[in-house]
Amino acid sequence: MDIEQKVAKKHIVNIVYGESIEIRGIVCALEYDENIAIFKLVDNVLTIHGSGFDIKALDIDSGVAVVSGTVSSLEYSKSREKQGFFKRIMK
């Protein structure tokens, strides 16, 4: 079974006093450093901005990630499927 089928379409984000964040419903972690964490959700991408980030837990099978650090903003964007060269120019 595909991981995207295991994870529910909805997700949950819990921010605790701006010092840690728990995300449920992730498919994978795309990028991470001390100032940014990017997670792919089933139908979009969640970007977390802040400082002092440290991933405390990451369980792709259950779709849960816990990041400690100071959270300053969250940003959602549509996930982009990779397209072939001809598909892009034919738009």
C-alpha atoms as a PDB file:
ATOM      1  CA  MET A   1       0.000   0.000   0.000  1.00  0.00           C
ATOM      2  CA  ASP A   2       1.299   3.433  -0.967  1.00  0.00           C
ATOM      3  CA  ILE A   3       2.239   5.746   1.949  1.00  0.00           C
ATOM      4  CA  GLU A   4      -0.125   8.456   0.651  1.00  0.00           C
ATOM      5  CA  GLN A   5      -3.002   5.991   0.927  1.00  0.00           C
ATOM      6  CA  LYS A   6      -2.094   5.200   4.553  1.00  0.00           C
ATOM      7  CA  VAL A   7      -2.074   8.836   5.678  1.00  0.00           C
ATOM      8  CA  ALA A   8      -5.433  10.556   6.015  1.00  0.00           C
ATOM      9  CA  LYS A   9      -6.265  13.393   3.608  1.00  0.00           C
ATOM     10  CA  LYS A  10      -6.644  15.761   6.551  1.00  0.00           C
ATOM     11  CA  HIS A  11      -3.763  16.839   8.722  1.00  0.00           C
ATOM     12  CA  ILE A  12      -3.388  18.296  12.200  1.00  0.00           C
ATOM     13  CA  VAL A  13      -0.894  20.956  13.307  1.00  0.00           C
ATOM     14  CA  ASN A  14      -0.327  21.588  17.024  1.00  0.00           C
ATOM     15  CA  ILE A  15       1.893  24.510  18.035  1.00  0.00           C
ATOM     16  CA  VAL A  16       2.925  24.612  21.686  1.00  0.00           C
ATOM     17  CA  TYR A  17       3.709  28.188  22.816  1.00  0.00           C
ATOM     18  CA  GLY A  18       5.530  28.826  19.545  1.00  0.00           C
ATOM     19  CA  GLU A  19       8.378  26.605  20.796  1.00  0.00           C
ATOM     20  CA  SER A  20       7.507  23.290  19.203  1.00  0.00           C
ATOM     21  CA  ILE A  21       5.189  21.973  16.529  1.00  0.00           C
ATOM     22  CA  GLU A  22       3.619  18.577  15.928  1.00  0.00           C
ATOM     23  CA  ILE A  23       2.292  17.728  12.466  1.00  0.00           C
ATOM     24  CA  ARG A  24       0.100  14.703  11.783  1.00  0.00           C
ATOM     25  CA  GLY A  25      -0.671  13.652   8.234  1.00  0.00           C
ATOM     26  CA  ILE A  26       2.723  14.091   6.576  1.00  0.00           C
ATOM     27  CA  VAL A  27       3.882  11.948   3.670  1.00  0.00           C
ATOM     28  CA  CYS A  28       7.580  12.844   3.817  1.00  0.00           C
ATOM     29  CA  ALA A  29      10.080  15.477   4.920  1.00  0.00           C
ATOM     30  CA  LEU A  30      11.344  17.453   1.923  1.00  0.00           C
ATOM     31  CA  GLU A  31      13.842  19.825   3.522  1.00  0.00           C
ATOM     32  CA  TYR A  32      15.076  20.744   6.983  1.00  0.00           C
ATOM     33  CA  ASP A  33      17.650  23.007   8.598  1.00  0.00           C
ATOM     34  CA  GLU A  34      17.743  25.212  11.702  1.00  0.00           C
ATOM     35  CA  ASN A  35      15.506  27.903  10.112  1.00  0.00           C
ATOM     36  CA  ILE A  36      13.058  25.985   7.907  1.00  0.00           C
ATOM     37  CA  ALA A  37      11.244  22.654   7.786  1.00  0.00           C
ATOM     38  CA  ILE A  38       9.274  21.561   4.719  1.00  0.00           C
ATOM     39  CA  PHE A  39       6.886  18.608   4.794  1.00  0.00           C
ATOM     40  CA  LYS A  40       4.855  17.083   1.984  1.00  0.00           C
ATOM     41  CA  LEU A  41       1.237  16.485   2.896  1.00  0.00           C
ATOM     42  CA  VAL A  42      -1.102  14.406   0.761  1.00  0.00           C
ATOM     43  CA  ASP A  43      -2.426  17.333  -1.280  1.00  0.00           C
ATOM     44  CA  ASN A  44      -0.048  20.230  -0.535  1.00  0.00           C
ATOM     45  CA  VAL A  45       3.236  21.263   1.069  1.00  0.00           C
ATOM     46  CA  LEU A  46       3.669  22.775   4.551  1.00  0.00           C
ATOM     47  CA  THR A  47       6.640  25.101   5.090  1.00  0.00           C
ATOM     48  CA  ILE A  48       7.490  26.070   8.670  1.00  0.00           C
ATOM     49  CA  HIS A  49       9.699  29.136   9.204  1.00  0.00           C
ATOM     50  CA  GLY A  50      11.463  29.954  12.459  1.00  0.00           C
ATOM     51  CA  SER A  51      14.771  29.406  14.237  1.00  0.00           C
ATOM     52  CA  GLY A  52      16.607  26.783  16.247  1.00  0.00           C
ATOM     53  CA  PHE A  53      14.736  23.876  14.647  1.00  0.00           C
ATOM     54  CA  ASP A  54      15.529  20.318  15.676  1.00  0.00           C
ATOM     55  CA  ILE A  55      13.467  17.335  14.544  1.00  0.00           C
ATOM     56  CA  LYS A  56      12.598  15.433  17.710  1.00  0.00           C
ATOM     57  CA  ALA A  57      10.495  12.738  16.014  1.00  0.00           C
ATOM     58  CA  LEU A  58       9.810  11.713  12.436  1.00  0.00           C
ATOM     59  CA  ASP A  59       7.661   8.656  11.754  1.00  0.00           C
ATOM     60  CA  ILE A  60       6.692   8.483   8.103  1.00  0.00           C
ATOM     61  CA  ASP A  61       4.717   5.243   8.585  1.00  0.00           C
ATOM     62  CA  SER A  62       2.281   6.942  10.964  1.00  0.00           C
ATOM     63  CA  GLY A  63       2.644  10.388   9.319  1.00  0.00           C
ATOM     64  CA  VAL A  64       3.886  12.244  12.423  1.00  0.00           C
ATOM     65  CA  ALA A  65       6.695  14.780  12.873  1.00  0.00           C
ATOM     66  CA  VAL A  66       7.668  16.804  15.946  1.00  0.00           C
ATOM     67  CA  VAL A  67       9.966  19.804  15.543  1.00  0.00           C
ATOM     68  CA  SER A  68      11.308  21.886  18.440  1.00  0.00           C
ATOM     69  CA  GLY A  69      12.421  25.484  18.033  1.00  0.00           C
ATOM     70  CA  THR A  70      10.829  28.902  17.668  1.00  0.00           C
ATOM     71  CA  VAL A  71       8.006  28.905  15.109  1.00  0.00           C
ATOM     72  CA  SER A  72       7.425  32.224  13.353  1.00  0.00           C
ATOM     73  CA  SER A  73       5.154  31.271  10.443  1.00  0.00           C
ATOM     74  CA  LEU A  74       3.480  28.476   8.507  1.00  0.00           C
ATOM     75  CA  GLU A  75       2.984  28.500   4.753  1.00  0.00           C
ATOM     76  CA  TYR A  76       0.881  26.174   2.635  1.00  0.00           C
ATOM     77  CA  SER A  77       1.445  25.689  -1.076  1.00  0.00           C
ATOM     78  CA  LYS A  78       0.120  23.276  -3.631  1.00  0.00           C
ATOM     79  CA  SER A  79       2.420  20.379  -4.310  1.00  0.00           C
ATOM     80  CA  ARG A  80       3.686  20.326  -7.830  1.00  0.00           C
ATOM     81  CA  GLU A  81       3.846  17.083  -9.680  1.00  0.00           C
ATOM     82  CA  LYS A  82       6.891  16.728 -11.866  1.00  0.00           C
ATOM     83  CA  GLN A  83       5.970  17.251 -15.469  1.00  0.00           C
ATOM     84  CA  GLY A  84       7.794  16.262 -18.574  1.00  0.00           C
ATOM     85  CA  PHE A  85       9.359  18.820 -20.870  1.00  0.00           C
ATOM     86  CA  PHE A  86       6.665  18.565 -23.576  1.00  0.00           C
ATOM     87  CA  LYS A  87       3.818  18.743 -21.073  1.00  0.00           C
ATOM     88  CA  ARG A  88       5.201  22.041 -19.715  1.00  0.00           C
ATOM     89  CA  ILE A  89       5.656  23.712 -23.090  1.00  0.00           C
ATOM     90  CA  MET A  90       2.254  22.569 -24.380  1.00  0.00           C
ATOM     91  CA  LYS A  91       0.384  24.469 -21.635  1.00  0.00           C
END
